Amino acid sequence: MEKLLTLTKDALDFLKKSLDEEGAVGIRIDTVPGGCSGMTYQLDFVKEINPCDVAIEEGGVKMYVASRAVIFISGTVMDYVKSPMGGSIVFENPNASSRCGCGKSFRTNDSQSACGKCCS
């Protein structure tokens, strides 16, 4: 079975620090319509767990994946990349059939099924 989400060491370090600063129990990841390619990743700090989310933990970081996003991010690697302008979370998503130049939005062959009305 393919791993739902993998976090690189840099992503783990960044998320641990961010969670400590926010006092959150984890990070929620969702995919929502938007961006220049059709879908965008949405990350939020979790203070209250949604029972519809798929809970995973890696390296001490708890991630809660919106149930409707599982099909779109399964097998994705999340990284944190530093640059002279700061840093950002980036996604290497094997399900993306295309993505925008900045990597913030993507399209899959199944993107049209992202109705936004599922359990979120």
N, C-alpha and C. Protein backbone atom coordinates (compact mmCIF):
# COMPACT_ATOMS: atom_id res chain seq x y z
N MET A 1 0.84 -1.19 0.00
CA MET A 1 0.00 0.00 0.00
C MET A 1 0.88 1.25 0.00
N GLU A 2 0.55 2.19 -0.86
CA GLU A 2 1.32 3.42 -0.98
C GLU A 2 1.11 4.31 0.25
N LYS A 3 2.19 4.92 0.70
CA LYS A 3 2.13 5.82 1.85
C LYS A 3 1.36 7.07 1.44
N LEU A 4 0.48 7.53 2.30
CA LEU A 4 -0.36 8.68 1.99
C LEU A 4 0.46 9.95 1.82
N LEU A 5 1.35 10.23 2.77
CA LEU A 5 2.11 11.48 2.75
C LEU A 5 3.46 11.24 3.42
N THR A 6 4.51 11.76 2.81
CA THR A 6 5.86 11.67 3.38
C THR A 6 6.37 13.08 3.61
N LEU A 7 6.99 13.29 4.77
CA LEU A 7 7.58 14.59 5.10
C LEU A 7 9.09 14.45 5.10
N THR A 8 9.77 15.38 4.42
CA THR A 8 11.23 15.38 4.45
C THR A 8 11.70 15.89 5.81
N LYS A 9 12.97 15.72 6.10
CA LYS A 9 13.54 16.21 7.36
C LYS A 9 13.34 17.72 7.49
N ASP A 10 13.58 18.46 6.40
CA ASP A 10 13.39 19.92 6.45
C ASP A 10 11.93 20.28 6.74
N ALA A 11 11.00 19.54 6.14
CA ALA A 11 9.58 19.81 6.40
C ALA A 11 9.24 19.48 7.86
N LEU A 12 9.75 18.36 8.36
CA LEU A 12 9.51 17.99 9.76
C LEU A 12 10.02 19.06 10.71
N ASP A 13 11.24 19.52 10.49
CA ASP A 13 11.83 20.55 11.36
C ASP A 13 11.00 21.83 11.32
N PHE A 14 10.62 22.27 10.13
CA PHE A 14 9.83 23.48 9.98
C PHE A 14 8.46 23.33 10.65
N LEU A 15 7.79 22.20 10.42
CA LEU A 15 6.46 22.01 10.98
C LEU A 15 6.48 21.88 12.50
N LYS A 16 7.49 21.19 13.04
CA LYS A 16 7.61 21.08 14.50
C LYS A 16 7.73 22.46 15.13
N LYS A 17 8.60 23.29 14.56
CA LYS A 17 8.80 24.65 15.08
C LYS A 17 7.50 25.45 14.97
N SER A 18 6.83 25.35 13.83
CA SER A 18 5.58 26.09 13.62
C SER A 18 4.49 25.63 14.58
N LEU A 19 4.39 24.32 14.80
CA LEU A 19 3.38 23.79 15.72
C LEU A 19 3.63 24.27 17.14
N ASP A 20 4.90 24.28 17.56
CA ASP A 20 5.24 24.78 18.89
C ASP A 20 4.85 26.25 19.04
N GLU A 21 5.15 27.06 18.03
CA GLU A 21 4.83 28.48 18.07
C GLU A 21 3.33 28.73 18.12
N GLU A 22 2.55 27.91 17.42
CA GLU A 22 1.10 28.09 17.34
C GLU A 22 0.35 27.41 18.48
N GLY A 23 0.99 26.46 19.15
CA GLY A 23 0.30 25.70 20.19
C GLY A 23 -0.76 24.78 19.62
N ALA A 24 -0.54 24.29 18.41
CA ALA A 24 -1.50 23.42 17.72
C ALA A 24 -1.13 21.96 17.93
N VAL A 25 -2.12 21.06 17.73
CA VAL A 25 -1.87 19.63 17.90
C VAL A 25 -1.36 18.98 16.61
N GLY A 26 -1.54 19.66 15.48
CA GLY A 26 -1.11 19.11 14.21
C GLY A 26 -1.39 20.05 13.06
N ILE A 27 -1.18 19.53 11.86
CA ILE A 27 -1.41 20.29 10.63
C ILE A 27 -2.48 19.56 9.83
N ARG A 28 -3.45 20.30 9.32
CA ARG A 28 -4.48 19.72 8.44
C ARG A 28 -4.14 20.11 7.02
N ILE A 29 -4.19 19.12 6.14
CA ILE A 29 -3.95 19.38 4.72
C ILE A 29 -5.21 19.02 3.94
N ASP A 30 -5.56 19.90 3.04
CA ASP A 30 -6.74 19.72 2.20
C ASP A 30 -6.37 20.17 0.80
N THR A 31 -7.18 19.81 -0.15
CA THR A 31 -7.06 20.32 -1.52
C THR A 31 -8.38 20.99 -1.84
N VAL A 32 -8.31 22.20 -2.37
CA VAL A 32 -9.51 22.96 -2.68
C VAL A 32 -9.40 23.54 -4.08
N PRO A 33 -10.56 23.77 -4.73
CA PRO A 33 -10.51 24.40 -6.04
C PRO A 33 -9.84 25.76 -5.96
N GLY A 34 -8.96 26.05 -6.92
CA GLY A 34 -8.31 27.35 -6.96
C GLY A 34 -6.95 27.29 -7.62
N GLY A 35 -6.31 28.41 -7.71
CA GLY A 35 -5.00 28.51 -8.33
C GLY A 35 -5.11 28.44 -9.84
N CYS A 36 -4.01 28.66 -10.50
CA CYS A 36 -4.02 28.72 -11.96
C CYS A 36 -4.12 27.34 -12.60
N SER A 37 -3.91 26.26 -11.83
CA SER A 37 -3.99 24.92 -12.41
C SER A 37 -5.27 24.17 -12.02
N GLY A 38 -6.08 24.76 -11.17
CA GLY A 38 -7.37 24.14 -10.84
C GLY A 38 -7.56 23.74 -9.40
N MET A 39 -6.51 23.25 -8.74
CA MET A 39 -6.61 22.86 -7.33
C MET A 39 -5.40 23.40 -6.59
N THR A 40 -5.60 23.71 -5.31
CA THR A 40 -4.50 24.21 -4.51
C THR A 40 -4.47 23.49 -3.17
N TYR A 41 -3.30 23.44 -2.57
CA TYR A 41 -3.13 22.82 -1.26
C TYR A 41 -3.52 23.84 -0.20
N GLN A 42 -4.19 23.36 0.84
CA GLN A 42 -4.56 24.24 1.95
C GLN A 42 -4.04 23.61 3.23
N LEU A 43 -3.18 24.33 3.94
CA LEU A 43 -2.62 23.87 5.21
C LEU A 43 -3.14 24.75 6.33
N ASP A 44 -3.60 24.12 7.40
CA ASP A 44 -4.11 24.85 8.55
C ASP A 44 -3.59 24.20 9.83
N PHE A 45 -3.42 25.00 10.86
CA PHE A 45 -3.07 24.46 12.17
C PHE A 45 -4.33 23.83 12.77
N VAL A 46 -4.17 22.68 13.40
CA VAL A 46 -5.29 21.96 14.00
C VAL A 46 -5.27 22.20 15.51
N LYS A 47 -6.37 22.72 15.99
CA LYS A 47 -6.54 22.87 17.44
C LYS A 47 -7.63 21.92 17.92
N GLU A 48 -8.51 21.51 16.98
CA GLU A 48 -9.58 20.55 17.28
C GLU A 48 -9.65 19.55 16.13
N ILE A 49 -9.61 18.28 16.46
CA ILE A 49 -9.55 17.23 15.44
C ILE A 49 -10.91 16.99 14.81
N ASN A 50 -10.93 16.90 13.47
CA ASN A 50 -12.12 16.58 12.70
C ASN A 50 -12.16 15.06 12.54
N PRO A 51 -13.21 14.38 13.01
CA PRO A 51 -13.24 12.92 12.93
C PRO A 51 -13.29 12.37 11.49
N CYS A 52 -13.59 13.21 10.51
CA CYS A 52 -13.60 12.77 9.11
C CYS A 52 -12.20 12.73 8.51
N ASP A 53 -11.25 13.39 9.14
CA ASP A 53 -9.89 13.45 8.61
C ASP A 53 -9.15 12.13 8.82
N VAL A 54 -8.20 11.87 7.94
CA VAL A 54 -7.32 10.72 8.07
C VAL A 54 -6.09 11.18 8.84
N ALA A 55 -5.87 10.58 10.01
CA ALA A 55 -4.76 10.98 10.87
C ALA A 55 -3.52 10.14 10.57
N ILE A 56 -2.40 10.82 10.39
CA ILE A 56 -1.11 10.14 10.23
C ILE A 56 -0.09 10.88 11.09
N GLU A 57 0.98 10.20 11.41
CA GLU A 57 2.05 10.83 12.18
C GLU A 57 3.38 10.41 11.59
N GLU A 58 4.25 11.37 11.46
CA GLU A 58 5.59 11.09 10.95
C GLU A 58 6.58 11.96 11.70
N GLY A 59 7.58 11.33 12.28
CA GLY A 59 8.63 12.06 12.98
C GLY A 59 8.12 12.97 14.08
N GLY A 60 7.02 12.58 14.72
CA GLY A 60 6.46 13.38 15.80
C GLY A 60 5.52 14.48 15.35
N VAL A 61 5.28 14.60 14.05
CA VAL A 61 4.34 15.60 13.53
C VAL A 61 3.04 14.90 13.15
N LYS A 62 1.95 15.37 13.72
CA LYS A 62 0.64 14.82 13.39
C LYS A 62 0.04 15.60 12.23
N MET A 63 -0.37 14.84 11.23
CA MET A 63 -1.00 15.42 10.04
C MET A 63 -2.42 14.87 9.97
N TYR A 64 -3.35 15.73 9.60
CA TYR A 64 -4.74 15.34 9.43
C TYR A 64 -5.12 15.69 8.00
N VAL A 65 -5.37 14.65 7.20
CA VAL A 65 -5.67 14.83 5.79
C VAL A 65 -7.19 14.80 5.61
N ALA A 66 -7.73 15.86 5.02
CA ALA A 66 -9.17 15.89 4.74
C ALA A 66 -9.52 14.67 3.92
N SER A 67 -10.61 14.00 4.26
CA SER A 67 -10.97 12.76 3.57
C SER A 67 -11.13 12.97 2.07
N ARG A 68 -11.64 14.12 1.67
CA ARG A 68 -11.83 14.36 0.23
C ARG A 68 -10.50 14.60 -0.50
N ALA A 69 -9.43 14.88 0.25
CA ALA A 69 -8.12 15.17 -0.37
C ALA A 69 -7.26 13.92 -0.54
N VAL A 70 -7.62 12.83 0.12
CA VAL A 70 -6.79 11.62 0.10
C VAL A 70 -6.49 11.18 -1.33
N ILE A 71 -7.48 11.12 -2.18
CA ILE A 71 -7.29 10.66 -3.55
C ILE A 71 -6.31 11.56 -4.33
N PHE A 72 -6.26 12.83 -3.98
CA PHE A 72 -5.44 13.78 -4.73
C PHE A 72 -4.00 13.87 -4.23
N ILE A 73 -3.75 13.47 -2.97
CA ILE A 73 -2.39 13.62 -2.43
C ILE A 73 -1.70 12.31 -2.08
N SER A 74 -2.36 11.18 -2.26
CA SER A 74 -1.74 9.91 -1.91
C SER A 74 -0.39 9.75 -2.60
N GLY A 75 0.65 9.48 -1.81
CA GLY A 75 2.00 9.31 -2.34
C GLY A 75 2.80 10.59 -2.42
N THR A 76 2.24 11.71 -1.98
CA THR A 76 2.90 13.01 -2.07
C THR A 76 4.03 13.15 -1.05
N VAL A 77 5.09 13.82 -1.45
CA VAL A 77 6.19 14.17 -0.55
C VAL A 77 6.10 15.67 -0.28
N MET A 78 6.08 16.03 1.00
CA MET A 78 6.04 17.44 1.41
C MET A 78 7.44 17.83 1.87
N ASP A 79 7.95 18.94 1.33
CA ASP A 79 9.29 19.41 1.67
C ASP A 79 9.20 20.88 2.09
N TYR A 80 10.22 21.35 2.75
CA TYR A 80 10.36 22.77 3.07
C TYR A 80 11.64 23.24 2.41
N VAL A 81 11.51 24.25 1.55
CA VAL A 81 12.65 24.74 0.79
C VAL A 81 12.97 26.17 1.21
N LYS A 82 14.23 26.39 1.58
CA LYS A 82 14.69 27.73 1.96
C LYS A 82 15.22 28.44 0.73
N SER A 83 15.00 29.75 0.69
CA SER A 83 15.53 30.56 -0.41
C SER A 83 15.91 31.92 0.16
N PRO A 84 16.59 32.74 -0.62
CA PRO A 84 16.94 34.09 -0.14
C PRO A 84 15.70 34.92 0.23
N MET A 85 14.55 34.57 -0.33
CA MET A 85 13.31 35.31 -0.06
C MET A 85 12.54 34.72 1.12
N GLY A 86 13.08 33.71 1.79
CA GLY A 86 12.39 33.06 2.90
C GLY A 86 12.35 31.57 2.67
N GLY A 87 11.21 30.97 2.91
CA GLY A 87 11.06 29.55 2.70
C GLY A 87 9.61 29.21 2.43
N SER A 88 9.39 28.02 1.91
CA SER A 88 8.01 27.61 1.64
C SER A 88 7.90 26.10 1.60
N ILE A 89 6.69 25.64 1.88
CA ILE A 89 6.36 24.23 1.75
C ILE A 89 6.15 23.96 0.27
N VAL A 90 6.73 22.88 -0.21
CA VAL A 90 6.53 22.46 -1.61
C VAL A 90 6.08 21.01 -1.62
N PHE A 91 5.36 20.64 -2.66
CA PHE A 91 4.79 19.32 -2.78
C PHE A 91 5.28 18.63 -4.04
N GLU A 92 5.70 17.40 -3.91
CA GLU A 92 6.01 16.55 -5.06
C GLU A 92 4.88 15.52 -5.10
N ASN A 93 3.90 15.80 -5.96
CA ASN A 93 2.67 15.02 -6.00
C ASN A 93 2.64 14.14 -7.25
N PRO A 94 2.73 12.82 -7.07
CA PRO A 94 2.73 11.92 -8.23
C PRO A 94 1.37 11.88 -8.94
N ASN A 95 0.33 12.40 -8.32
CA ASN A 95 -1.00 12.40 -8.92
C ASN A 95 -1.24 13.61 -9.82
N ALA A 96 -0.36 14.58 -9.75
CA ALA A 96 -0.53 15.81 -10.54
C ALA A 96 -0.20 15.54 -12.00
N SER A 97 -1.17 15.81 -12.85
CA SER A 97 -0.91 15.67 -14.29
C SER A 97 -0.28 16.95 -14.83
N SER A 98 -0.48 18.07 -14.11
CA SER A 98 0.20 19.33 -14.42
C SER A 98 0.20 20.17 -13.16
N ARG A 99 1.08 21.16 -13.14
CA ARG A 99 1.13 22.09 -11.99
C ARG A 99 1.59 23.45 -12.48
N CYS A 100 1.26 24.46 -11.69
CA CYS A 100 1.66 25.81 -12.08
C CYS A 100 3.17 25.97 -11.83
N GLY A 101 3.73 27.01 -12.36
CA GLY A 101 5.16 27.25 -12.25
C GLY A 101 5.66 27.41 -10.83
N CYS A 102 4.84 27.99 -9.95
CA CYS A 102 5.28 28.21 -8.58
C CYS A 102 5.02 26.99 -7.69
N GLY A 103 4.29 26.01 -8.20
CA GLY A 103 4.05 24.78 -7.44
C GLY A 103 2.94 24.87 -6.42
N LYS A 104 2.20 25.97 -6.39
CA LYS A 104 1.14 26.15 -5.41
C LYS A 104 -0.18 25.52 -5.84
N SER A 105 -0.35 25.29 -7.12
CA SER A 105 -1.58 24.65 -7.57
C SER A 105 -1.26 23.54 -8.57
N PHE A 106 -2.22 22.65 -8.75
CA PHE A 106 -2.00 21.48 -9.59
C PHE A 106 -3.32 21.02 -10.19
N ARG A 107 -3.20 20.10 -11.12
CA ARG A 107 -4.36 19.48 -11.75
C ARG A 107 -4.09 17.98 -11.80
N THR A 108 -5.14 17.20 -11.58
CA THR A 108 -5.05 15.76 -11.76
C THR A 108 -6.08 15.36 -12.80
N ASN A 109 -5.98 14.15 -13.26
CA ASN A 109 -6.98 13.67 -14.20
C ASN A 109 -8.35 13.57 -13.55
N ASP A 110 -8.39 13.50 -12.21
CA ASP A 110 -9.65 13.40 -11.47
C ASP A 110 -10.07 14.71 -10.83
N SER A 111 -9.44 15.83 -11.16
CA SER A 111 -9.73 17.10 -10.50
C SER A 111 -11.19 17.51 -10.59
N GLN A 112 -11.87 17.13 -11.64
CA GLN A 112 -13.26 17.53 -11.78
C GLN A 112 -14.14 16.94 -10.69
N SER A 113 -13.67 15.89 -9.98
CA SER A 113 -14.48 15.30 -8.93
C SER A 113 -14.31 15.99 -7.59
N ALA A 114 -13.51 17.05 -7.53
CA ALA A 114 -13.30 17.78 -6.28
C ALA A 114 -14.46 18.76 -6.10
N CYS A 115 -15.57 18.24 -5.62
CA CYS A 115 -16.78 19.05 -5.56
C CYS A 115 -16.76 20.07 -4.43
N GLY A 116 -15.97 19.82 -3.39
CA GLY A 116 -15.95 20.74 -2.26
C GLY A 116 -17.12 20.56 -1.33
N LYS A 117 -18.00 19.57 -1.59
CA LYS A 117 -19.17 19.36 -0.75
C LYS A 117 -19.06 18.06 0.06
N CYS A 118 -17.92 17.40 -0.04
CA CYS A 118 -17.72 16.16 0.71
C CYS A 118 -17.41 16.49 2.16
N CYS A 119 -17.27 15.46 2.96
CA CYS A 119 -16.88 15.67 4.35
C CYS A 119 -15.58 16.45 4.38
N SER A 120 -15.59 17.60 5.00
CA SER A 120 -14.38 18.42 5.05
C SER A 120 -14.03 18.69 6.45
